[in-house]
Amino acid sequence: MTNEAKFKKENRKAVIVEETHYVVKMYVGDELAEERPLYGHSKRYAEDCAENWESGVI
């Protein structure tokens, strides 16, 4: 089962995908800039990663 959560701010977007672990897919516009697997972390950690991406922290 795959669950997705989307975060978006201006032209930066992050999508969290839950498989056996969380994966944050980071976009600039429609182009995938990075895909970050987060093994052993919580959903909240993945959400923080997504928010940091869209805010320009990472």
C-alpha atoms as a PDB file:
ATOM      1  CA  MET A   1       0.000   0.000   0.000  1.00  0.00           C
ATOM      2  CA  THR A   2       1.326   3.412  -0.924  1.00  0.00           C
ATOM      3  CA  ASN A   3       0.155   6.607   0.757  1.00  0.00           C
ATOM      4  CA  GLU A   4       1.046  10.089  -0.480  1.00  0.00           C
ATOM      5  CA  ALA A   5       1.029  13.512   1.150  1.00  0.00           C
ATOM      6  CA  LYS A   6       1.761  16.662  -0.838  1.00  0.00           C
ATOM      7  CA  PHE A   7       3.269  19.946   0.267  1.00  0.00           C
ATOM      8  CA  LYS A   8       3.594  22.977  -2.028  1.00  0.00           C
ATOM      9  CA  LYS A   9       4.899  26.526  -1.711  1.00  0.00           C
ATOM     10  CA  GLU A  10       5.566  28.790  -4.690  1.00  0.00           C
ATOM     11  CA  ASN A  11       7.306  26.670  -7.342  1.00  0.00           C
ATOM     12  CA  ARG A  12       8.718  24.110  -4.865  1.00  0.00           C
ATOM     13  CA  LYS A  13       6.778  20.967  -4.091  1.00  0.00           C
ATOM     14  CA  ALA A  14       7.450  17.901  -1.959  1.00  0.00           C
ATOM     15  CA  VAL A  15       5.555  14.618  -2.079  1.00  0.00           C
ATOM     16  CA  ILE A  16       5.854  12.073   0.738  1.00  0.00           C
ATOM     17  CA  VAL A  17       5.404   8.464  -0.345  1.00  0.00           C
ATOM     18  CA  GLU A  18       4.973   5.716   2.253  1.00  0.00           C
ATOM     19  CA  GLU A  19       6.069   2.250   1.191  1.00  0.00           C
ATOM     20  CA  THR A  20       8.133   0.178   3.645  1.00  0.00           C
ATOM     21  CA  HIS A  21       9.753   3.502   4.574  1.00  0.00           C
ATOM     22  CA  TYR A  22       9.048   7.155   3.778  1.00  0.00           C
ATOM     23  CA  VAL A  23      10.396   8.765   0.612  1.00  0.00           C
ATOM     24  CA  VAL A  24      10.287  12.538   0.095  1.00  0.00           C
ATOM     25  CA  LYS A  25      10.255  13.503  -3.578  1.00  0.00           C
ATOM     26  CA  MET A  26      11.367  17.121  -3.976  1.00  0.00           C
ATOM     27  CA  TYR A  27      10.396  19.136  -7.038  1.00  0.00           C
ATOM     28  CA  VAL A  28      11.195  22.547  -8.483  1.00  0.00           C
ATOM     29  CA  GLY A  29       8.313  23.288 -10.795  1.00  0.00           C
ATOM     30  CA  ASP A  30       7.467  19.956 -12.404  1.00  0.00           C
ATOM     31  CA  GLU A  31      11.076  18.715 -12.375  1.00  0.00           C
ATOM     32  CA  LEU A  32      12.181  16.172  -9.767  1.00  0.00           C
ATOM     33  CA  ALA A  33      15.219  17.670  -8.018  1.00  0.00           C
ATOM     34  CA  GLU A  34      15.809  14.979  -5.389  1.00  0.00           C
ATOM     35  CA  GLU A  35      14.289  11.806  -3.998  1.00  0.00           C
ATOM     36  CA  ARG A  36      15.231  11.258  -0.353  1.00  0.00           C
ATOM     37  CA  PRO A  37      14.517   7.875   1.301  1.00  0.00           C
ATOM     38  CA  LEU A  38      14.031   8.148   5.066  1.00  0.00           C
ATOM     39  CA  TYR A  39      14.652   4.744   6.624  1.00  0.00           C
ATOM     40  CA  GLY A  40      13.715   4.325  10.284  1.00  0.00           C
ATOM     41  CA  HIS A  41      12.071   7.746  10.618  1.00  0.00           C
ATOM     42  CA  SER A  42       8.543   8.795  11.507  1.00  0.00           C
ATOM     43  CA  LYS A  43       5.919  10.415   9.294  1.00  0.00           C
ATOM     44  CA  ARG A  44       6.469  13.666  11.226  1.00  0.00           C
ATOM     45  CA  TYR A  45      10.177  13.560  10.287  1.00  0.00           C
ATOM     46  CA  ALA A  46       9.184  13.138   6.622  1.00  0.00           C
ATOM     47  CA  GLU A  47       6.751  16.066   6.924  1.00  0.00           C
ATOM     48  CA  ASP A  48       9.510  18.223   8.445  1.00  0.00           C
ATOM     49  CA  CYS A  49      11.796  17.272   5.552  1.00  0.00           C
ATOM     50  CA  ALA A  50       9.079  18.244   3.042  1.00  0.00           C
ATOM     51  CA  GLU A  51       8.446  21.567   4.803  1.00  0.00           C
ATOM     52  CA  ASN A  52      12.179  22.311   4.904  1.00  0.00           C
ATOM     53  CA  TRP A  53      12.386  21.689   1.153  1.00  0.00           C
ATOM     54  CA  GLU A  54       9.532  23.989   0.261  1.00  0.00           C
ATOM     55  CA  SER A  55      10.836  26.707   2.606  1.00  0.00           C
ATOM     56  CA  GLY A  56      14.285  26.588   1.005  1.00  0.00           C
ATOM     57  CA  VAL A  57      16.097  25.244   4.081  1.00  0.00           C
ATOM     58  CA  ILE A  58      17.309  22.280   1.997  1.00  0.00           C
END
